[in-house]
Amino acid sequence: MLKITMTESPRVESWTLCGRLIAPWVDELKHTWKRTHREAKARKCIVNLDEVTFIDKSGERMLRSMLKQGARFVASDLYVKHVLDRVKGRSSK
């Protein structure tokens, strides 16, 4: 299961994801993102992944797409940080 929470202010669009970022929940995130995300140069988009417990390949592709559309990620979990390094094209050795 994946819980998606989104809040907006004039300067920040905040997303919080909780649970497993896997198919079919990635499809729901993709649909919600396309319907709700507003790309605006004056407003930051912050995606909090602190409560994400697992990310499969489809989840990685979705995070990569969000990154290309201006999302910035927040994560405290070492596993999620490792996945984000891969998504961002960094190798962690």
PDB file of N, CA and C in Angstrom:
ATOM      1  N   MET A   1       0.836  -1.170   0.000  1.00  0.00           N
ATOM      2  CA  MET A   1       0.000   0.000   0.000  1.00  0.00           C
ATOM      3  C   MET A   1       0.889   1.244   0.000  1.00  0.00           C
ATOM      4  N   LEU A   2       0.392   2.309  -0.621  1.00  0.00           N
ATOM      5  CA  LEU A   2       1.100   3.586  -0.669  1.00  0.00           C
ATOM      6  C   LEU A   2       0.115   4.701  -0.358  1.00  0.00           C
ATOM      7  N   LYS A   3       0.455   5.517   0.622  1.00  0.00           N
ATOM      8  CA  LYS A   3      -0.356   6.685   0.961  1.00  0.00           C
ATOM      9  C   LYS A   3       0.321   7.901   0.357  1.00  0.00           C
ATOM     10  N   ILE A   4      -0.451   8.707  -0.359  1.00  0.00           N
ATOM     11  CA  ILE A   4       0.060   9.920  -1.010  1.00  0.00           C
ATOM     12  C   ILE A   4      -0.652  11.123  -0.400  1.00  0.00           C
ATOM     13  N   THR A   5       0.128  12.040   0.161  1.00  0.00           N
ATOM     14  CA  THR A   5      -0.434  13.268   0.723  1.00  0.00           C
ATOM     15  C   THR A   5       0.240  14.439   0.028  1.00  0.00           C
ATOM     16  N   MET A   6      -0.574  15.397  -0.405  1.00  0.00           N
ATOM     17  CA  MET A   6      -0.035  16.556  -1.107  1.00  0.00           C
ATOM     18  C   MET A   6      -0.624  17.831  -0.522  1.00  0.00           C
ATOM     19  N   THR A   7       0.246  18.800  -0.240  1.00  0.00           N
ATOM     20  CA  THR A   7      -0.212  20.105   0.229  1.00  0.00           C
ATOM     21  C   THR A   7       0.472  21.186  -0.600  1.00  0.00           C
ATOM     22  N   GLU A   8      -0.186  22.315  -0.720  1.00  0.00           N
ATOM     23  CA  GLU A   8       0.356  23.419  -1.513  1.00  0.00           C
ATOM     24  C   GLU A   8       0.354  24.709  -0.719  1.00  0.00           C
ATOM     25  N   SER A   9       1.360  25.516  -0.966  1.00  0.00           N
ATOM     26  CA  SER A   9       1.412  26.884  -0.480  1.00  0.00           C
ATOM     27  C   SER A   9       1.894  27.722  -1.662  1.00  0.00           C
ATOM     28  N   PRO A  10       1.907  29.028  -1.537  1.00  0.00           N
ATOM     29  CA  PRO A  10       2.372  29.837  -2.668  1.00  0.00           C
ATOM     30  C   PRO A  10       3.815  29.547  -3.091  1.00  0.00           C
ATOM     31  N   ARG A  11       4.650  29.063  -2.174  1.00  0.00           N
ATOM     32  CA  ARG A  11       6.063  28.850  -2.492  1.00  0.00           C
ATOM     33  C   ARG A  11       6.490  27.386  -2.568  1.00  0.00           C
ATOM     34  N   VAL A  12       5.690  26.480  -1.997  1.00  0.00           N
ATOM     35  CA  VAL A  12       6.104  25.080  -1.929  1.00  0.00           C
ATOM     36  C   VAL A  12       4.930  24.150  -2.214  1.00  0.00           C
ATOM     37  N   GLU A  13       5.224  23.145  -3.019  1.00  0.00           N
ATOM     38  CA  GLU A  13       4.299  22.034  -3.239  1.00  0.00           C
ATOM     39  C   GLU A  13       4.933  20.851  -2.515  1.00  0.00           C
ATOM     40  N   SER A  14       4.272  20.327  -1.486  1.00  0.00           N
ATOM     41  CA  SER A  14       4.843  19.257  -0.670  1.00  0.00           C
ATOM     42  C   SER A  14       4.094  17.949  -0.877  1.00  0.00           C
ATOM     43  N   TRP A  15       4.856  16.905  -1.120  1.00  0.00           N
ATOM     44  CA  TRP A  15       4.317  15.557  -1.266  1.00  0.00           C
ATOM     45  C   TRP A  15       4.927  14.684  -0.176  1.00  0.00           C
ATOM     46  N   THR A  16       4.114  13.840   0.432  1.00  0.00           N
ATOM     47  CA  THR A  16       4.599  12.868   1.403  1.00  0.00           C
ATOM     48  C   THR A  16       4.116  11.498   0.961  1.00  0.00           C
ATOM     49  N   LEU A  17       5.058  10.581   0.803  1.00  0.00           N
ATOM     50  CA  LEU A  17       4.737   9.214   0.414  1.00  0.00           C
ATOM     51  C   LEU A  17       5.016   8.301   1.595  1.00  0.00           C
ATOM     52  N   CYS A  18       4.078   7.395   1.878  1.00  0.00           N
ATOM     53  CA  CYS A  18       4.213   6.453   2.995  1.00  0.00           C
ATOM     54  C   CYS A  18       3.872   5.052   2.490  1.00  0.00           C
ATOM     55  N   GLY A  19       4.780   4.117   2.712  1.00  0.00           N
ATOM     56  CA  GLY A  19       4.517   2.731   2.330  1.00  0.00           C
ATOM     57  C   GLY A  19       5.480   2.231   1.280  1.00  0.00           C
ATOM     58  N   ARG A  20       4.973   1.360   0.400  1.00  0.00           N
ATOM     59  CA  ARG A  20       5.799   0.704  -0.602  1.00  0.00           C
ATOM     60  C   ARG A  20       5.568   1.350  -1.963  1.00  0.00           C
ATOM     61  N   LEU A  21       6.626   1.804  -2.590  1.00  0.00           N
ATOM     62  CA  LEU A  21       6.549   2.437  -3.909  1.00  0.00           C
ATOM     63  C   LEU A  21       6.796   1.349  -4.955  1.00  0.00           C
ATOM     64  N   ILE A  22       5.734   0.574  -5.217  1.00  0.00           N
ATOM     65  CA  ILE A  22       5.801  -0.555  -6.134  1.00  0.00           C
ATOM     66  C   ILE A  22       4.570  -0.546  -7.034  1.00  0.00           C
ATOM     67  N   ALA A  23       4.677  -1.293  -8.170  1.00  0.00           N
ATOM     68  CA  ALA A  23       3.499  -1.468  -9.014  1.00  0.00           C
ATOM     69  C   ALA A  23       2.491  -2.266  -8.188  1.00  0.00           C
ATOM     70  N   PRO A  24       1.214  -1.982  -8.192  1.00  0.00           N
ATOM     71  CA  PRO A  24       0.457  -1.008  -8.962  1.00  0.00           C
ATOM     72  C   PRO A  24       0.361   0.373  -8.316  1.00  0.00           C
ATOM     73  N   TRP A  25       0.948   0.544  -7.141  1.00  0.00           N
ATOM     74  CA  TRP A  25       0.836   1.841  -6.459  1.00  0.00           C
ATOM     75  C   TRP A  25       1.571   2.943  -7.222  1.00  0.00           C
ATOM     76  N   VAL A  26       2.581   2.578  -7.988  1.00  0.00           N
ATOM     77  CA  VAL A  26       3.285   3.558  -8.818  1.00  0.00           C
ATOM     78  C   VAL A  26       2.336   4.156  -9.848  1.00  0.00           C
ATOM     79  N   ASP A  27       1.443   3.325 -10.390  1.00  0.00           N
ATOM     80  CA  ASP A  27       0.457   3.837 -11.348  1.00  0.00           C
ATOM     81  C   ASP A  27      -0.438   4.891 -10.717  1.00  0.00           C
ATOM     82  N   GLU A  28      -0.831   4.666  -9.461  1.00  0.00           N
ATOM     83  CA  GLU A  28      -1.654   5.651  -8.754  1.00  0.00           C
ATOM     84  C   GLU A  28      -0.870   6.938  -8.513  1.00  0.00           C
ATOM     85  N   LEU A  29       0.400   6.819  -8.133  1.00  0.00           N
ATOM     86  CA  LEU A  29       1.242   8.005  -7.947  1.00  0.00           C
ATOM     87  C   LEU A  29       1.398   8.756  -9.259  1.00  0.00           C
ATOM     88  N   LYS A  30       1.637   8.026 -10.344  1.00  0.00           N
ATOM     89  CA  LYS A  30       1.804   8.657 -11.656  1.00  0.00           C
ATOM     90  C   LYS A  30       0.537   9.426 -12.047  1.00  0.00           C
ATOM     91  N   HIS A  31      -0.609   8.808 -11.838  1.00  0.00           N
ATOM     92  CA  HIS A  31      -1.884   9.464 -12.160  1.00  0.00           C
ATOM     93  C   HIS A  31      -2.085  10.718 -11.299  1.00  0.00           C
ATOM     94  N   THR A  32      -1.816  10.594 -10.005  1.00  0.00           N
ATOM     95  CA  THR A  32      -1.972  11.735  -9.087  1.00  0.00           C
ATOM     96  C   THR A  32      -0.984  12.844  -9.430  1.00  0.00           C
ATOM     97  N   TRP A  33       0.252  12.472  -9.740  1.00  0.00           N
ATOM     98  CA  TRP A  33       1.292  13.448 -10.109  1.00  0.00           C
ATOM     99  C   TRP A  33       0.885  14.215 -11.356  1.00  0.00           C
ATOM    100  N   LYS A  34       0.456  13.503 -12.396  1.00  0.00           N
ATOM    101  CA  LYS A  34       0.061  14.164 -13.648  1.00  0.00           C
ATOM    102  C   LYS A  34      -1.133  15.087 -13.445  1.00  0.00           C
ATOM    103  N   ARG A  35      -2.056  14.680 -12.595  1.00  0.00           N
ATOM    104  CA  ARG A  35      -3.270  15.459 -12.356  1.00  0.00           C
ATOM    105  C   ARG A  35      -3.013  16.670 -11.465  1.00  0.00           C
ATOM    106  N   THR A  36      -2.069  16.566 -10.537  1.00  0.00           N
ATOM    107  CA  THR A  36      -1.929  17.566  -9.479  1.00  0.00           C
ATOM    108  C   THR A  36      -0.678  18.422  -9.554  1.00  0.00           C
ATOM    109  N   HIS A  37       0.452  17.848  -9.992  1.00  0.00           N
ATOM    110  CA  HIS A  37       1.728  18.586  -9.957  1.00  0.00           C
ATOM    111  C   HIS A  37       1.689  19.809 -10.865  1.00  0.00           C
ATOM    112  N   ARG A  38       2.149  20.902 -10.316  1.00  0.00           N
ATOM    113  CA  ARG A  38       2.228  22.150 -11.068  1.00  0.00           C
ATOM    114  C   ARG A  38       3.688  22.562 -11.161  1.00  0.00           C
ATOM    115  N   GLU A  39       4.230  22.572 -12.370  1.00  0.00           N
ATOM    116  CA  GLU A  39       5.606  23.042 -12.534  1.00  0.00           C
ATOM    117  C   GLU A  39       5.589  24.565 -12.557  1.00  0.00           C
ATOM    118  N   ALA A  40       6.227  25.151 -11.590  1.00  0.00           N
ATOM    119  CA  ALA A  40       6.323  26.610 -11.519  1.00  0.00           C
ATOM    120  C   ALA A  40       7.717  26.957 -11.031  1.00  0.00           C
ATOM    121  N   LYS A  41       8.383  27.806 -11.749  1.00  0.00           N
ATOM    122  CA  LYS A  41       9.759  28.158 -11.394  1.00  0.00           C
ATOM    123  C   LYS A  41       9.849  28.839 -10.034  1.00  0.00           C
ATOM    124  N   ALA A  42       8.794  29.531  -9.634  1.00  0.00           N
ATOM    125  CA  ALA A  42       8.825  30.260  -8.373  1.00  0.00           C
ATOM    126  C   ALA A  42       8.483  29.368  -7.180  1.00  0.00           C
ATOM    127  N   ARG A  43       8.046  28.136  -7.443  1.00  0.00           N
ATOM    128  CA  ARG A  43       7.622  27.270  -6.344  1.00  0.00           C
ATOM    129  C   ARG A  43       8.424  25.969  -6.349  1.00  0.00           C
ATOM    130  N   LYS A  44       8.924  25.586  -5.186  1.00  0.00           N
ATOM    131  CA  LYS A  44       9.672  24.343  -5.039  1.00  0.00           C
ATOM    132  C   LYS A  44       8.704  23.173  -4.896  1.00  0.00           C
ATOM    133  N   CYS A  45       9.149  22.022  -5.323  1.00  0.00           N
ATOM    134  CA  CYS A  45       8.404  20.787  -5.122  1.00  0.00           C
ATOM    135  C   CYS A  45       9.266  19.854  -4.275  1.00  0.00           C
ATOM    136  N   ILE A  46       8.804  19.578  -3.061  1.00  0.00           N
ATOM    137  CA  ILE A  46       9.528  18.734  -2.121  1.00  0.00           C
ATOM    138  C   ILE A  46       8.744  17.435  -1.941  1.00  0.00           C
ATOM    139  N   VAL A  47       9.433  16.308  -2.127  1.00  0.00           N
ATOM    140  CA  VAL A  47       8.812  14.994  -1.954  1.00  0.00           C
ATOM    141  C   VAL A  47       9.491  14.304  -0.777  1.00  0.00           C
ATOM    142  N   ASN A  48       8.727  14.083   0.294  1.00  0.00           N
ATOM    143  CA  ASN A  48       9.248  13.464   1.500  1.00  0.00           C
ATOM    144  C   ASN A  48       9.071  11.949   1.398  1.00  0.00           C
ATOM    145  N   LEU A  49      10.199  11.235   1.457  1.00  0.00           N
ATOM    146  CA  LEU A  49      10.208   9.772   1.350  1.00  0.00           C
ATOM    147  C   LEU A  49      10.582   9.106   2.671  1.00  0.00           C
ATOM    148  N   ASP A  50      10.498   9.844   3.777  1.00  0.00           N
ATOM    149  CA  ASP A  50      10.920   9.318   5.074  1.00  0.00           C
ATOM    150  C   ASP A  50      10.161   8.052   5.494  1.00  0.00           C
ATOM    151  N   GLU A  51       8.935   7.896   5.023  1.00  0.00           N
ATOM    152  CA  GLU A  51       8.136   6.742   5.440  1.00  0.00           C
ATOM    153  C   GLU A  51       7.935   5.726   4.323  1.00  0.00           C
ATOM    154  N   VAL A  52       8.771   5.799   3.290  1.00  0.00           N
ATOM    155  CA  VAL A  52       8.746   4.792   2.226  1.00  0.00           C
ATOM    156  C   VAL A  52       9.609   3.623   2.696  1.00  0.00           C
ATOM    157  N   THR A  53       9.055   2.398   2.575  1.00  0.00           N
ATOM    158  CA  THR A  53       9.748   1.220   3.087  1.00  0.00           C
ATOM    159  C   THR A  53      10.396   0.370   2.000  1.00  0.00           C
ATOM    160  N   PHE A  54       9.963   0.505   0.752  1.00  0.00           N
ATOM    161  CA  PHE A  54      10.543  -0.276  -0.343  1.00  0.00           C
ATOM    162  C   PHE A  54      10.246   0.417  -1.657  1.00  0.00           C
ATOM    163  N   ILE A  55      11.178   0.328  -2.610  1.00  0.00           N
ATOM    164  CA  ILE A  55      11.013   0.935  -3.937  1.00  0.00           C
ATOM    165  C   ILE A  55      11.460  -0.091  -4.970  1.00  0.00           C
ATOM    166  N   ASP A  56      10.534  -0.472  -5.877  1.00  0.00           N
ATOM    167  CA  ASP A  56      10.930  -1.400  -6.941  1.00  0.00           C
ATOM    168  C   ASP A  56      11.374  -0.597  -8.171  1.00  0.00           C
ATOM    169  N   LYS A  57      11.697  -1.304  -9.262  1.00  0.00           N
ATOM    170  CA  LYS A  57      12.204  -0.638 -10.476  1.00  0.00           C
ATOM    171  C   LYS A  57      11.198   0.355 -11.042  1.00  0.00           C
ATOM    172  N   SER A  58       9.904   0.026 -11.002  1.00  0.00           N
ATOM    173  CA  SER A  58       8.907   0.976 -11.510  1.00  0.00           C
ATOM    174  C   SER A  58       8.858   2.220 -10.623  1.00  0.00           C
ATOM    175  N   GLY A  59       9.073   2.043  -9.324  1.00  0.00           N
ATOM    176  CA  GLY A  59       9.142   3.187  -8.404  1.00  0.00           C
ATOM    177  C   GLY A  59      10.351   4.052  -8.689  1.00  0.00           C
ATOM    178  N   GLU A  60      11.481   3.407  -9.004  1.00  0.00           N
ATOM    179  CA  GLU A  60      12.684   4.170  -9.355  1.00  0.00           C
ATOM    180  C   GLU A  60      12.444   4.991 -10.619  1.00  0.00           C
ATOM    181  N   ARG A  61      11.790   4.393 -11.610  1.00  0.00           N
ATOM    182  CA  ARG A  61      11.498   5.133 -12.854  1.00  0.00           C
ATOM    183  C   ARG A  61      10.599   6.336 -12.570  1.00  0.00           C
ATOM    184  N   MET A  62       9.619   6.156 -11.681  1.00  0.00           N
ATOM    185  CA  MET A  62       8.722   7.262 -11.349  1.00  0.00           C
ATOM    186  C   MET A  62       9.478   8.369 -10.616  1.00  0.00           C
ATOM    187  N   LEU A  63      10.345   8.010  -9.691  1.00  0.00           N
ATOM    188  CA  LEU A  63      11.139   9.020  -8.992  1.00  0.00           C
ATOM    189  C   LEU A  63      12.047   9.766  -9.964  1.00  0.00           C
ATOM    190  N   ARG A  64      12.621   9.052 -10.920  1.00  0.00           N
ATOM    191  CA  ARG A  64      13.476   9.692 -11.940  1.00  0.00           C
ATOM    192  C   ARG A  64      12.655  10.702 -12.748  1.00  0.00           C
ATOM    193  N   SER A  65      11.441  10.324 -13.120  1.00  0.00           N
ATOM    194  CA  SER A  65      10.559  11.227 -13.868  1.00  0.00           C
ATOM    195  C   SER A  65      10.215  12.464 -13.035  1.00  0.00           C
ATOM    196  N   MET A  66       9.915  12.257 -11.762  1.00  0.00           N
ATOM    197  CA  MET A  66       9.594  13.381 -10.879  1.00  0.00           C
ATOM    198  C   MET A  66      10.801  14.303 -10.734  1.00  0.00           C
ATOM    199  N   LEU A  67      11.988  13.713 -10.616  1.00  0.00           N
ATOM    200  CA  LEU A  67      13.226  14.487 -10.509  1.00  0.00           C
ATOM    201  C   LEU A  67      13.415  15.373 -11.739  1.00  0.00           C
ATOM    202  N   LYS A  68      13.184  14.809 -12.922  1.00  0.00           N
ATOM    203  CA  LYS A  68      13.329  15.566 -14.171  1.00  0.00           C
ATOM    204  C   LYS A  68      12.318  16.703 -14.270  1.00  0.00           C
ATOM    205  N   GLN A  69      11.219  16.587 -13.525  1.00  0.00           N
ATOM    206  CA  GLN A  69      10.191  17.628 -13.532  1.00  0.00           C
ATOM    207  C   GLN A  69      10.334  18.587 -12.357  1.00  0.00           C
ATOM    208  N   GLY A  70      11.495  18.547 -11.700  1.00  0.00           N
ATOM    209  CA  GLY A  70      11.792  19.547 -10.679  1.00  0.00           C
ATOM    210  C   GLY A  70      11.610  19.132  -9.237  1.00  0.00           C
ATOM    211  N   ALA A  71      11.243  17.881  -8.975  1.00  0.00           N
ATOM    212  CA  ALA A  71      11.063  17.443  -7.586  1.00  0.00           C
ATOM    213  C   ALA A  71      12.402  17.360  -6.867  1.00  0.00           C
ATOM    214  N   ARG A  72      12.371  17.697  -5.599  1.00  0.00           N
ATOM    215  CA  ARG A  72      13.516  17.518  -4.708  1.00  0.00           C
ATOM    216  C   ARG A  72      13.079  16.511  -3.648  1.00  0.00           C
ATOM    217  N   PHE A  73      13.954  15.580  -3.329  1.00  0.00           N
ATOM    218  CA  PHE A  73      13.591  14.509  -2.414  1.00  0.00           C
ATOM    219  C   PHE A  73      14.215  14.699  -1.044  1.00  0.00           C
ATOM    220  N   VAL A  74      13.453  14.299  -0.022  1.00  0.00           N
ATOM    221  CA  VAL A  74      13.909  14.293   1.358  1.00  0.00           C
ATOM    222  C   VAL A  74      13.784  12.854   1.835  1.00  0.00           C
ATOM    223  N   ALA A  75      14.875  12.310   2.372  1.00  0.00           N
ATOM    224  CA  ALA A  75      14.849  10.946   2.893  1.00  0.00           C
ATOM    225  C   ALA A  75      15.865  10.812   4.009  1.00  0.00           C
ATOM    226  N   SER A  76      15.485  10.100   5.055  1.00  0.00           N
ATOM    227  CA  SER A  76      16.407   9.879   6.160  1.00  0.00           C
ATOM    228  C   SER A  76      16.877   8.420   6.201  1.00  0.00           C
ATOM    229  N   ASP A  77      16.125   7.519   5.599  1.00  0.00           N
ATOM    230  CA  ASP A  77      16.454   6.099   5.608  1.00  0.00           C
ATOM    231  C   ASP A  77      17.620   5.813   4.663  1.00  0.00           C
ATOM    232  N   LEU A  78      18.589   5.044   5.131  1.00  0.00           N
ATOM    233  CA  LEU A  78      19.780   4.734   4.341  1.00  0.00           C
ATOM    234  C   LEU A  78      19.422   3.997   3.048  1.00  0.00           C
ATOM    235  N   TYR A  79      18.492   3.046   3.123  1.00  0.00           N
ATOM    236  CA  TYR A  79      18.060   2.310   1.930  1.00  0.00           C
ATOM    237  C   TYR A  79      17.479   3.265   0.884  1.00  0.00           C
ATOM    238  N   VAL A  80      16.582   4.146   1.301  1.00  0.00           N
ATOM    239  CA  VAL A  80      15.945   5.088   0.371  1.00  0.00           C
ATOM    240  C   VAL A  80      16.984   6.045  -0.203  1.00  0.00           C
ATOM    241  N   LYS A  81      17.925   6.493   0.614  1.00  0.00           N
ATOM    242  CA  LYS A  81      18.999   7.357   0.112  1.00  0.00           C
ATOM    243  C   LYS A  81      19.821   6.644  -0.956  1.00  0.00           C
ATOM    244  N   HIS A  82      20.085   5.360  -0.745  1.00  0.00           N
ATOM    245  CA  HIS A  82      20.831   4.562  -1.727  1.00  0.00           C
ATOM    246  C   HIS A  82      20.059   4.487  -3.047  1.00  0.00           C
ATOM    247  N   VAL A  83      18.764   4.243  -2.975  1.00  0.00           N
ATOM    248  CA  VAL A  83      17.929   4.206  -4.181  1.00  0.00           C
ATOM    249  C   VAL A  83      17.943   5.566  -4.869  1.00  0.00           C
ATOM    250  N   LEU A  84      17.847   6.637  -4.109  1.00  0.00           N
ATOM    251  CA  LEU A  84      17.872   7.976  -4.701  1.00  0.00           C
ATOM    252  C   LEU A  84      19.200   8.258  -5.396  1.00  0.00           C
ATOM    253  N   ASP A  85      20.297   7.770  -4.833  1.00  0.00           N
ATOM    254  CA  ASP A  85      21.594   7.931  -5.501  1.00  0.00           C
ATOM    255  C   ASP A  85      21.563   7.270  -6.875  1.00  0.00           C
ATOM    256  N   ARG A  86      20.981   6.069  -6.968  1.00  0.00           N
ATOM    257  CA  ARG A  86      20.852   5.396  -8.266  1.00  0.00           C
ATOM    258  C   ARG A  86      19.959   6.188  -9.210  1.00  0.00           C
ATOM    259  N   VAL A  87      18.856   6.681  -8.692  1.00  0.00           N
ATOM    260  CA  VAL A  87      17.901   7.458  -9.499  1.00  0.00           C
ATOM    261  C   VAL A  87      18.571   8.701 -10.057  1.00  0.00           C
ATOM    262  N   LYS A  88      19.412   9.330  -9.244  1.00  0.00           N
ATOM    263  CA  LYS A  88      20.092  10.558  -9.651  1.00  0.00           C
ATOM    264  C   LYS A  88      21.339  10.284 -10.489  1.00  0.00           C
ATOM    265  N   GLY A  89      21.654   8.997 -10.681  1.00  0.00           N
ATOM    266  CA  GLY A  89      22.794   8.639 -11.507  1.00  0.00           C
ATOM    267  C   GLY A  89      24.123   8.639 -10.794  1.00  0.00           C
ATOM    268  N   ARG A  90      24.085   8.632  -9.479  1.00  0.00           N
ATOM    269  CA  ARG A  90      25.316   8.585  -8.689  1.00  0.00           C
ATOM    270  C   ARG A  90      25.566   7.136  -8.281  1.00  0.00           C
ATOM    271  N   SER A  91      26.806   6.739  -8.337  1.00  0.00           N
ATOM    272  CA  SER A  91      27.124   5.398  -7.830  1.00  0.00           C
ATOM    273  C   SER A  91      27.634   5.538  -6.419  1.00  0.00           C
ATOM    274  N   SER A  92      27.195   4.662  -5.563  1.00  0.00           N
ATOM    275  CA  SER A  92      27.671   4.702  -4.174  1.00  0.00           C
ATOM    276  C   SER A  92      28.585   3.512  -3.959  1.00  0.00           C
ATOM    277  N   LYS A  93      29.861   3.784  -3.811  1.00  0.00           N
ATOM    278  CA  LYS A  93      30.848   2.713  -3.656  1.00  0.00           C
ATOM    279  C   LYS A  93      31.411   2.719  -2.261  1.00  0.00           C
TER     280      LYS A  93
END
